Amino acid sequence: MYGNESFGRRLRLGHLGRRGGSGLLMVPLDHAVGAGPLRSDGDLDTLVGLLADHGADAVVLHKGTARRIRPARFAELSLVVQLNASTNMATDPDAKYPVATVEEALRLGAHAVSVQVNAASLTEGSQIAHLAAVAEACDRWGVPLLAMMYVRGPAVRDGRHPALVAHAVAVAAEIGADLVKTALPDDPAATARIIAGAAVPVLAAGGAPVPGPDAVLGRLAVAMQAGAAGVAVGRLVFTADDPAAMMRRLAAVVHDRTPVGAR
């Protein structure tokens, strides 16, 4: 043991952060359960290979999809397995439920696992309880845990409000996450305060690619300048006309910390 971390956990965290001081560029590709197929041809293997070739550090996949990706793709790329889900067809799409375990993720060779929590949702209690159970399993097996924390619910007017985001980040750290992904505020100063006060590294969520790619990239660049440990961006990439070109733009923002538009 080294501090509170097992050797396995340090080994896997090292694979995730193998670029050293550079930011972590993670691409979630777990959206099909929630919203339907990402690609009409169903070929995510080719997409994952393209992302790896153009700057991605990690992808987030559900267990079934992970089995259909060639193992060679993960020679450099890290695999994060998503452990809960919901569909947009449900009466309450914010009600996440378990669909995989830490042990299943390990059998797939995962470097980390992720759990989404929609704080302020009607099922917040069961979601945080699931996060806590996963955190305990991660401690047992030496697996890093990414908590995807969003503030969503019938009473929420602004899920990016600084106080709410800071609270959600604190929940993730208190329960045992190693990393937290969240939708950061638009205000750079507020973002910097949240990141500075966080007990674990914070990844900026990309969200829907509106009002356009440049606006999203600009927001992510601001987060990186404010101290974010990296970004987790899916839809901006897999909906792009040229995913490879979008990955290169993201790599400039995340790995080189280059402001959008800078030469």
C-alpha atoms as a PDB file:
ATOM      1  CA  MET A   1       0.000   0.000   0.000  1.00  0.00           C
ATOM      2  CA  TYR A   2       1.045   3.555  -0.695  1.00  0.00           C
ATOM      3  CA  GLY A   3      -0.960   5.983   1.410  1.00  0.00           C
ATOM      4  CA  ASN A   4      -4.619   5.053   0.860  1.00  0.00           C
ATOM      5  CA  GLU A   5      -4.068   3.683  -2.645  1.00  0.00           C
ATOM      6  CA  SER A   6      -3.298   0.116  -3.668  1.00  0.00           C
ATOM      7  CA  PHE A   7      -0.617  -0.637  -6.230  1.00  0.00           C
ATOM      8  CA  GLY A   8      -3.304  -1.629  -8.752  1.00  0.00           C
ATOM      9  CA  ARG A   9      -5.134   1.646  -8.325  1.00  0.00           C
ATOM     10  CA  ARG A  10      -1.922   3.641  -8.783  1.00  0.00           C
ATOM     11  CA  LEU A  11      -1.036   1.564 -11.834  1.00  0.00           C
ATOM     12  CA  ARG A  12      -4.405   2.212 -13.464  1.00  0.00           C
ATOM     13  CA  LEU A  13      -4.425   5.904 -12.562  1.00  0.00           C
ATOM     14  CA  GLY A  14      -0.968   6.142 -14.091  1.00  0.00           C
ATOM     15  CA  HIS A  15      -2.274   4.678 -17.337  1.00  0.00           C
ATOM     16  CA  LEU A  16      -5.081   7.234 -17.388  1.00  0.00           C
ATOM     17  CA  GLY A  17      -2.682  10.110 -16.751  1.00  0.00           C
ATOM     18  CA  ARG A  18       0.269   8.792 -18.715  1.00  0.00           C
ATOM     19  CA  ARG A  19       0.854  12.155 -20.453  1.00  0.00           C
ATOM     20  CA  GLY A  20       2.143  13.565 -17.194  1.00  0.00           C
ATOM     21  CA  GLY A  21       1.292  17.244 -16.748  1.00  0.00           C
ATOM     22  CA  SER A  22      -0.923  17.289 -19.825  1.00  0.00           C
ATOM     23  CA  GLY A  23      -4.675  17.258 -19.404  1.00  0.00           C
ATOM     24  CA  LEU A  24      -6.817  14.130 -19.709  1.00  0.00           C
ATOM     25  CA  LEU A  25      -8.876  13.938 -22.914  1.00  0.00           C
ATOM     26  CA  MET A  26     -11.702  11.465 -22.340  1.00  0.00           C
ATOM     27  CA  VAL A  27     -14.408  10.616 -24.886  1.00  0.00           C
ATOM     28  CA  PRO A  28     -17.623   9.114 -23.467  1.00  0.00           C
ATOM     29  CA  LEU A  29     -19.251   6.788 -26.009  1.00  0.00           C
ATOM     30  CA  ASP A  30     -21.924   5.407 -23.683  1.00  0.00           C
ATOM     31  CA  HIS A  31     -24.804   7.429 -25.134  1.00  0.00           C
ATOM     32  CA  ALA A  32     -26.539   4.651 -27.091  1.00  0.00           C
ATOM     33  CA  VAL A  33     -28.351   3.283 -24.035  1.00  0.00           C
ATOM     34  CA  GLY A  34     -29.803   6.698 -23.329  1.00  0.00           C
ATOM     35  CA  ALA A  35     -30.472   8.107 -26.776  1.00  0.00           C
ATOM     36  CA  GLY A  36     -30.063   5.375 -29.394  1.00  0.00           C
ATOM     37  CA  PRO A  37     -27.268   4.257 -31.754  1.00  0.00           C
ATOM     38  CA  LEU A  38     -24.247   6.531 -32.161  1.00  0.00           C
ATOM     39  CA  ARG A  39     -23.552   5.281 -35.683  1.00  0.00           C
ATOM     40  CA  SER A  40     -25.965   3.909 -38.265  1.00  0.00           C
ATOM     41  CA  ASP A  41     -23.499   1.130 -39.165  1.00  0.00           C
ATOM     42  CA  GLY A  42     -22.912   0.180 -35.526  1.00  0.00           C
ATOM     43  CA  ASP A  43     -19.118   0.239 -36.052  1.00  0.00           C
ATOM     44  CA  LEU A  44     -17.648   1.781 -32.924  1.00  0.00           C
ATOM     45  CA  ASP A  45     -14.381  -0.116 -33.282  1.00  0.00           C
ATOM     46  CA  THR A  46     -13.299   2.032 -36.220  1.00  0.00           C
ATOM     47  CA  LEU A  47     -14.374   5.200 -34.387  1.00  0.00           C
ATOM     48  CA  VAL A  48     -12.423   4.239 -31.256  1.00  0.00           C
ATOM     49  CA  GLY A  49      -9.323   3.577 -33.345  1.00  0.00           C
ATOM     50  CA  LEU A  50      -9.659   6.966 -35.037  1.00  0.00           C
ATOM     51  CA  LEU A  51     -10.053   8.739 -31.679  1.00  0.00           C
ATOM     52  CA  ALA A  52      -6.973   6.993 -30.295  1.00  0.00           C
ATOM     53  CA  ASP A  53      -4.938   8.008 -33.336  1.00  0.00           C
ATOM     54  CA  HIS A  54      -5.879  11.673 -33.004  1.00  0.00           C
ATOM     55  CA  GLY A  55      -5.386  12.422 -29.318  1.00  0.00           C
ATOM     56  CA  ALA A  56      -7.913  10.642 -27.098  1.00  0.00           C
ATOM     57  CA  ASP A  57      -6.545   9.355 -23.789  1.00  0.00           C
ATOM     58  CA  ALA A  58      -9.587   7.331 -22.728  1.00  0.00           C
ATOM     59  CA  VAL A  59     -13.034   6.255 -23.868  1.00  0.00           C
ATOM     60  CA  VAL A  60     -16.082   5.454 -21.749  1.00  0.00           C
ATOM     61  CA  LEU A  61     -18.030   2.412 -22.943  1.00  0.00           C
ATOM     62  CA  HIS A  62     -20.748   0.117 -21.699  1.00  0.00           C
ATOM     63  CA  LYS A  63     -19.670  -3.486 -21.169  1.00  0.00           C
ATOM     64  CA  GLY A  64     -21.339  -4.862 -24.291  1.00  0.00           C
ATOM     65  CA  THR A  65     -19.696  -2.334 -26.569  1.00  0.00           C
ATOM     66  CA  ALA A  66     -16.298  -2.817 -24.938  1.00  0.00           C
ATOM     67  CA  ARG A  67     -16.360  -6.475 -25.985  1.00  0.00           C
ATOM     68  CA  ARG A  68     -16.690  -5.425 -29.630  1.00  0.00           C
ATOM     69  CA  ILE A  69     -13.600  -3.199 -29.622  1.00  0.00           C
ATOM     70  CA  ARG A  70     -10.331  -4.811 -30.687  1.00  0.00           C
ATOM     71  CA  PRO A  71      -8.030  -5.172 -27.651  1.00  0.00           C
ATOM     72  CA  ALA A  72      -5.139  -3.625 -29.612  1.00  0.00           C
ATOM     73  CA  ARG A  73      -6.986  -0.296 -29.486  1.00  0.00           C
ATOM     74  CA  PHE A  74      -6.149  -0.114 -25.772  1.00  0.00           C
ATOM     75  CA  ALA A  75      -2.383  -0.396 -26.069  1.00  0.00           C
ATOM     76  CA  GLU A  76      -2.242   3.340 -25.364  1.00  0.00           C
ATOM     77  CA  LEU A  77      -5.906   4.228 -24.917  1.00  0.00           C
ATOM     78  CA  SER A  78      -7.543   3.731 -21.494  1.00  0.00           C
ATOM     79  CA  LEU A  79     -10.851   1.904 -21.102  1.00  0.00           C
ATOM     80  CA  VAL A  80     -13.429   3.269 -18.651  1.00  0.00           C
ATOM     81  CA  VAL A  81     -16.528   1.087 -18.199  1.00  0.00           C
ATOM     82  CA  GLN A  82     -19.833   2.791 -17.394  1.00  0.00           C
ATOM     83  CA  LEU A  83     -21.698   1.062 -14.560  1.00  0.00           C
ATOM     84  CA  ASN A  84     -25.148   2.692 -14.643  1.00  0.00           C
ATOM     85  CA  ALA A  85     -27.609   3.975 -17.228  1.00  0.00           C
ATOM     86  CA  SER A  86     -31.107   5.107 -18.164  1.00  0.00           C
ATOM     87  CA  THR A  87     -33.029   5.670 -21.406  1.00  0.00           C
ATOM     88  CA  ASN A  88     -34.735   8.755 -22.771  1.00  0.00           C
ATOM     89  CA  MET A  89     -37.832   6.579 -23.219  1.00  0.00           C
ATOM     90  CA  ALA A  90     -38.300   6.219 -19.460  1.00  0.00           C
ATOM     91  CA  THR A  91     -40.855   8.178 -17.443  1.00  0.00           C
ATOM     92  CA  ASP A  92     -37.920   9.625 -15.491  1.00  0.00           C
ATOM     93  CA  PRO A  93     -34.738   9.614 -17.627  1.00  0.00           C
ATOM     94  CA  ASP A  94     -32.773  11.062 -14.689  1.00  0.00           C
ATOM     95  CA  ALA A  95     -33.335   7.870 -12.660  1.00  0.00           C
ATOM     96  CA  LYS A  96     -30.050   6.026 -13.201  1.00  0.00           C
ATOM     97  CA  TYR A  97     -29.796   2.340 -12.306  1.00  0.00           C
ATOM     98  CA  PRO A  98     -26.918  -0.181 -12.139  1.00  0.00           C
ATOM     99  CA  VAL A  99     -26.150  -2.177 -15.301  1.00  0.00           C
ATOM    100  CA  ALA A 100     -22.640  -3.511 -14.562  1.00  0.00           C
ATOM    101  CA  THR A 101     -20.236  -4.147 -11.696  1.00  0.00           C
ATOM    102  CA  VAL A 102     -16.611  -3.384 -10.917  1.00  0.00           C
ATOM    103  CA  GLU A 103     -15.822  -7.077 -11.235  1.00  0.00           C
ATOM    104  CA  GLU A 104     -17.302  -7.186 -14.756  1.00  0.00           C
ATOM    105  CA  ALA A 105     -15.257  -4.140 -15.714  1.00  0.00           C
ATOM    106  CA  LEU A 106     -12.088  -5.826 -14.455  1.00  0.00           C
ATOM    107  CA  ARG A 107     -12.835  -8.944 -16.497  1.00  0.00           C
ATOM    108  CA  LEU A 108     -12.943  -6.654 -19.541  1.00  0.00           C
ATOM    109  CA  GLY A 109      -9.535  -5.188 -18.660  1.00  0.00           C
ATOM    110  CA  ALA A 110     -10.852  -1.750 -17.657  1.00  0.00           C
ATOM    111  CA  HIS A 111      -8.474   0.881 -16.330  1.00  0.00           C
ATOM    112  CA  ALA A 112     -11.313   2.646 -14.464  1.00  0.00           C
ATOM    113  CA  VAL A 113     -15.078   2.669 -13.966  1.00  0.00           C
ATOM    114  CA  SER A 114     -17.606   5.484 -14.014  1.00  0.00           C
ATOM    115  CA  VAL A 115     -20.948   6.136 -12.359  1.00  0.00           C
ATOM    116  CA  GLN A 116     -23.341   8.978 -13.143  1.00  0.00           C
ATOM    117  CA  VAL A 117     -25.271  10.714 -10.374  1.00  0.00           C
ATOM    118  CA  ASN A 118     -28.032  13.207 -11.099  1.00  0.00           C
ATOM    119  CA  ALA A 119     -28.079  15.231  -7.890  1.00  0.00           C
ATOM    120  CA  ALA A 120     -31.449  16.815  -7.032  1.00  0.00           C
ATOM    121  CA  SER A 121     -33.286  14.201  -9.105  1.00  0.00           C
ATOM    122  CA  LEU A 122     -36.212  12.273  -7.641  1.00  0.00           C
ATOM    123  CA  THR A 123     -33.972   9.210  -7.222  1.00  0.00           C
ATOM    124  CA  GLU A 124     -30.889  10.992  -5.890  1.00  0.00           C
ATOM    125  CA  GLY A 125     -30.794   8.754  -2.807  1.00  0.00           C
ATOM    126  CA  SER A 126     -30.486   5.473  -4.679  1.00  0.00           C
ATOM    127  CA  GLN A 127     -27.946   6.959  -7.086  1.00  0.00           C
ATOM    128  CA  ILE A 128     -25.645   8.188  -4.316  1.00  0.00           C
ATOM    129  CA  ALA A 129     -26.046   4.851  -2.547  1.00  0.00           C
ATOM    130  CA  HIS A 130     -24.949   3.098  -5.750  1.00  0.00           C
ATOM    131  CA  LEU A 131     -21.951   5.453  -6.034  1.00  0.00           C
ATOM    132  CA  ALA A 132     -20.989   4.555  -2.451  1.00  0.00           C
ATOM    133  CA  ALA A 133     -21.278   0.817  -3.133  1.00  0.00           C
ATOM    134  CA  VAL A 134     -19.127   1.164  -6.267  1.00  0.00           C
ATOM    135  CA  ALA A 135     -16.567   3.205  -4.314  1.00  0.00           C
ATOM    136  CA  GLU A 136     -16.275   0.368  -1.790  1.00  0.00           C
ATOM    137  CA  ALA A 137     -15.804  -2.186  -4.575  1.00  0.00           C
ATOM    138  CA  CYS A 138     -13.197   0.053  -6.207  1.00  0.00           C
ATOM    139  CA  ASP A 139     -11.293   0.167  -2.925  1.00  0.00           C
ATOM    140  CA  ARG A 140     -11.453  -3.614  -2.688  1.00  0.00           C
ATOM    141  CA  TRP A 141     -10.197  -4.211  -6.226  1.00  0.00           C
ATOM    142  CA  GLY A 142      -7.879  -1.224  -6.698  1.00  0.00           C
ATOM    143  CA  VAL A 143      -9.864   0.428  -9.490  1.00  0.00           C
ATOM    144  CA  PRO A 144     -10.095   4.210 -10.077  1.00  0.00           C
ATOM    145  CA  LEU A 145     -13.600   5.683  -9.926  1.00  0.00           C
ATOM    146  CA  LEU A 146     -14.892   8.514 -12.095  1.00  0.00           C
ATOM    147  CA  ALA A 147     -18.080  10.147 -10.801  1.00  0.00           C
ATOM    148  CA  MET A 148     -20.127  11.944 -13.457  1.00  0.00           C
ATOM    149  CA  MET A 149     -21.975  14.498 -11.334  1.00  0.00           C
ATOM    150  CA  TYR A 150     -24.839  16.555 -12.743  1.00  0.00           C
ATOM    151  CA  VAL A 151     -27.425  18.723 -11.000  1.00  0.00           C
ATOM    152  CA  ARG A 152     -30.734  17.722 -12.582  1.00  0.00           C
ATOM    153  CA  GLY A 153     -34.212  17.519 -11.196  1.00  0.00           C
ATOM    154  CA  PRO A 154     -37.703  18.997 -11.310  1.00  0.00           C
ATOM    155  CA  ALA A 155     -36.767  21.879  -9.003  1.00  0.00           C
ATOM    156  CA  VAL A 156     -33.457  22.751 -10.708  1.00  0.00           C
ATOM    157  CA  ARG A 157     -33.462  25.927 -12.797  1.00  0.00           C
ATOM    158  CA  ASP A 158     -29.737  26.177 -13.452  1.00  0.00           C
ATOM    159  CA  GLY A 159     -27.697  22.994 -13.251  1.00  0.00           C
ATOM    160  CA  ARG A 160     -24.505  25.014 -13.742  1.00  0.00           C
ATOM    161  CA  HIS A 161     -25.083  27.333 -10.767  1.00  0.00           C
ATOM    162  CA  PRO A 162     -21.708  27.569  -8.981  1.00  0.00           C
ATOM    163  CA  ALA A 163     -22.991  26.637  -5.534  1.00  0.00           C
ATOM    164  CA  LEU A 164     -24.844  23.596  -6.871  1.00  0.00           C
ATOM    165  CA  VAL A 165     -21.906  22.416  -8.967  1.00  0.00           C
ATOM    166  CA  ALA A 166     -19.485  22.840  -6.056  1.00  0.00           C
ATOM    167  CA  HIS A 167     -21.840  20.818  -3.859  1.00  0.00           C
ATOM    168  CA  ALA A 168     -22.099  18.011  -6.449  1.00  0.00           C
ATOM    169  CA  VAL A 169     -18.309  17.871  -6.773  1.00  0.00           C
ATOM    170  CA  ALA A 170     -17.982  17.700  -2.999  1.00  0.00           C
ATOM    171  CA  VAL A 171     -20.434  14.775  -2.857  1.00  0.00           C
ATOM    172  CA  ALA A 172     -18.290  12.829  -5.339  1.00  0.00           C
ATOM    173  CA  ALA A 173     -15.115  13.430  -3.343  1.00  0.00           C
ATOM    174  CA  GLU A 174     -16.736  12.641  -0.009  1.00  0.00           C
ATOM    175  CA  ILE A 175     -18.174   9.354  -1.282  1.00  0.00           C
ATOM    176  CA  GLY A 176     -14.824   8.209  -2.674  1.00  0.00           C
ATOM    177  CA  ALA A 177     -14.384   9.189  -6.334  1.00  0.00           C
ATOM    178  CA  ASP A 178     -10.875   9.640  -7.735  1.00  0.00           C
ATOM    179  CA  LEU A 179     -12.043  11.958 -10.531  1.00  0.00           C
ATOM    180  CA  VAL A 180     -15.218  13.931 -11.104  1.00  0.00           C
ATOM    181  CA  LYS A 181     -16.772  15.050 -14.367  1.00  0.00           C
ATOM    182  CA  THR A 182     -19.303  17.880 -14.210  1.00  0.00           C
ATOM    183  CA  ALA A 183     -20.942  20.688 -16.166  1.00  0.00           C
ATOM    184  CA  LEU A 184     -19.001  23.722 -14.990  1.00  0.00           C
ATOM    185  CA  PRO A 185     -20.425  27.265 -14.814  1.00  0.00           C
ATOM    186  CA  ASP A 186     -20.014  29.709 -17.680  1.00  0.00           C
ATOM    187  CA  ASP A 187     -18.312  32.199 -15.337  1.00  0.00           C
ATOM    188  CA  PRO A 188     -14.514  31.581 -15.463  1.00  0.00           C
ATOM    189  CA  ALA A 189     -13.965  32.933 -11.950  1.00  0.00           C
ATOM    190  CA  ALA A 190     -16.628  30.635 -10.511  1.00  0.00           C
ATOM    191  CA  THR A 191     -15.140  27.692 -12.398  1.00  0.00           C
ATOM    192  CA  ALA A 192     -11.688  28.467 -11.017  1.00  0.00           C
ATOM    193  CA  ARG A 193     -13.062  28.599  -7.448  1.00  0.00           C
ATOM    194  CA  ILE A 194     -14.826  25.240  -7.833  1.00  0.00           C
ATOM    195  CA  ILE A 195     -11.724  23.554  -9.219  1.00  0.00           C
ATOM    196  CA  ALA A 196      -9.447  25.093  -6.588  1.00  0.00           C
ATOM    197  CA  GLY A 197     -11.758  23.950  -3.809  1.00  0.00           C
ATOM    198  CA  ALA A 198     -12.251  20.424  -5.114  1.00  0.00           C
ATOM    199  CA  ALA A 199     -10.608  17.577  -3.219  1.00  0.00           C
ATOM    200  CA  VAL A 200     -10.237  15.514  -6.432  1.00  0.00           C
ATOM    201  CA  PRO A 201      -9.331  16.405 -10.038  1.00  0.00           C
ATOM    202  CA  VAL A 202     -12.198  17.877 -12.056  1.00  0.00           C
ATOM    203  CA  LEU A 203     -12.973  17.114 -15.713  1.00  0.00           C
ATOM    204  CA  ALA A 204     -15.100  19.585 -17.669  1.00  0.00           C
ATOM    205  CA  ALA A 205     -18.127  18.017 -19.362  1.00  0.00           C
ATOM    206  CA  GLY A 206     -18.715  18.905 -22.995  1.00  0.00           C
ATOM    207  CA  GLY A 207     -22.477  18.579 -23.062  1.00  0.00           C
ATOM    208  CA  ALA A 208     -24.627  19.117 -26.133  1.00  0.00           C
ATOM    209  CA  PRO A 209     -22.714  20.710 -29.049  1.00  0.00           C
ATOM    210  CA  VAL A 210     -24.765  23.905 -28.979  1.00  0.00           C
ATOM    211  CA  PRO A 211     -24.735  26.739 -29.930  1.00  0.00           C
ATOM    212  CA  GLY A 212     -21.839  25.287 -31.946  1.00  0.00           C
ATOM    213  CA  PRO A 213     -18.438  23.598 -31.742  1.00  0.00           C
ATOM    214  CA  ASP A 214     -16.481  26.829 -31.326  1.00  0.00           C
ATOM    215  CA  ALA A 215     -18.583  27.858 -28.330  1.00  0.00           C
ATOM    216  CA  VAL A 216     -18.127  24.456 -26.667  1.00  0.00           C
ATOM    217  CA  LEU A 217     -14.395  24.440 -27.379  1.00  0.00           C
ATOM    218  CA  GLY A 218     -14.125  27.948 -25.984  1.00  0.00           C
ATOM    219  CA  ARG A 219     -15.860  26.913 -22.764  1.00  0.00           C
ATOM    220  CA  LEU A 220     -13.579  23.902 -22.420  1.00  0.00           C
ATOM    221  CA  ALA A 221     -10.497  26.056 -23.027  1.00  0.00           C
ATOM    222  CA  VAL A 222     -11.629  28.388 -20.241  1.00  0.00           C
ATOM    223  CA  ALA A 223     -12.020  25.386 -17.924  1.00  0.00           C
ATOM    224  CA  MET A 224      -8.521  24.174 -18.754  1.00  0.00           C
ATOM    225  CA  GLN A 225      -7.084  27.626 -18.113  1.00  0.00           C
ATOM    226  CA  ALA A 226      -8.954  27.644 -14.786  1.00  0.00           C
ATOM    227  CA  GLY A 227      -7.201  24.456 -13.702  1.00  0.00           C
ATOM    228  CA  ALA A 228      -9.389  21.586 -14.899  1.00  0.00           C
ATOM    229  CA  ALA A 229      -7.589  18.241 -15.026  1.00  0.00           C
ATOM    230  CA  GLY A 230      -9.067  17.584 -18.447  1.00  0.00           C
ATOM    231  CA  VAL A 231     -12.325  17.228 -20.335  1.00  0.00           C
ATOM    232  CA  ALA A 232     -14.861  14.482 -21.042  1.00  0.00           C
ATOM    233  CA  VAL A 233     -16.473  15.184 -24.400  1.00  0.00           C
ATOM    234  CA  GLY A 234     -18.607  12.775 -26.419  1.00  0.00           C
ATOM    235  CA  ARG A 235     -21.331  14.332 -28.556  1.00  0.00           C
ATOM    236  CA  LEU A 236     -19.081  17.098 -29.859  1.00  0.00           C
ATOM    237  CA  VAL A 237     -16.850  14.356 -31.277  1.00  0.00           C
ATOM    238  CA  PHE A 238     -19.104  11.584 -32.546  1.00  0.00           C
ATOM    239  CA  THR A 239     -21.631  13.982 -34.141  1.00  0.00           C
ATOM    240  CA  ALA A 240     -18.886  15.931 -35.958  1.00  0.00           C
ATOM    241  CA  ASP A 241     -18.638  15.683 -39.741  1.00  0.00           C
ATOM    242  CA  ASP A 242     -14.922  14.950 -39.217  1.00  0.00           C
ATOM    243  CA  PRO A 243     -14.335  13.352 -35.787  1.00  0.00           C
ATOM    244  CA  ALA A 244     -10.577  13.179 -36.386  1.00  0.00           C
ATOM    245  CA  ALA A 245     -10.345  16.925 -36.990  1.00  0.00           C
ATOM    246  CA  MET A 246     -12.465  17.605 -33.900  1.00  0.00           C
ATOM    247  CA  MET A 247     -10.174  15.379 -31.829  1.00  0.00           C
ATOM    248  CA  ARG A 248      -7.154  17.337 -33.007  1.00  0.00           C
ATOM    249  CA  ARG A 249      -8.825  20.591 -31.973  1.00  0.00           C
ATOM    250  CA  LEU A 250      -9.659  19.132 -28.573  1.00  0.00           C
ATOM    251  CA  ALA A 251      -6.126  17.820 -28.155  1.00  0.00           C
ATOM    252  CA  ALA A 252      -4.771  21.323 -28.728  1.00  0.00           C
ATOM    253  CA  VAL A 253      -7.085  22.675 -26.010  1.00  0.00           C
ATOM    254  CA  VAL A 254      -6.498  19.864 -23.508  1.00  0.00           C
ATOM    255  CA  HIS A 255      -2.965  18.608 -24.073  1.00  0.00           C
ATOM    256  CA  ASP A 256      -1.387  21.893 -25.134  1.00  0.00           C
ATOM    257  CA  ARG A 257      -3.799  24.166 -23.192  1.00  0.00           C
ATOM    258  CA  THR A 258      -4.046  26.358 -26.282  1.00  0.00           C
ATOM    259  CA  PRO A 259      -6.872  28.937 -26.269  1.00  0.00           C
ATOM    260  CA  VAL A 260      -9.406  28.442 -29.057  1.00  0.00           C
ATOM    261  CA  GLY A 261      -8.400  30.478 -32.100  1.00  0.00           C
ATOM    262  CA  ALA A 262      -4.738  30.782 -31.031  1.00  0.00           C
ATOM    263  CA  ARG A 263      -2.121  30.023 -33.619  1.00  0.00           C
END
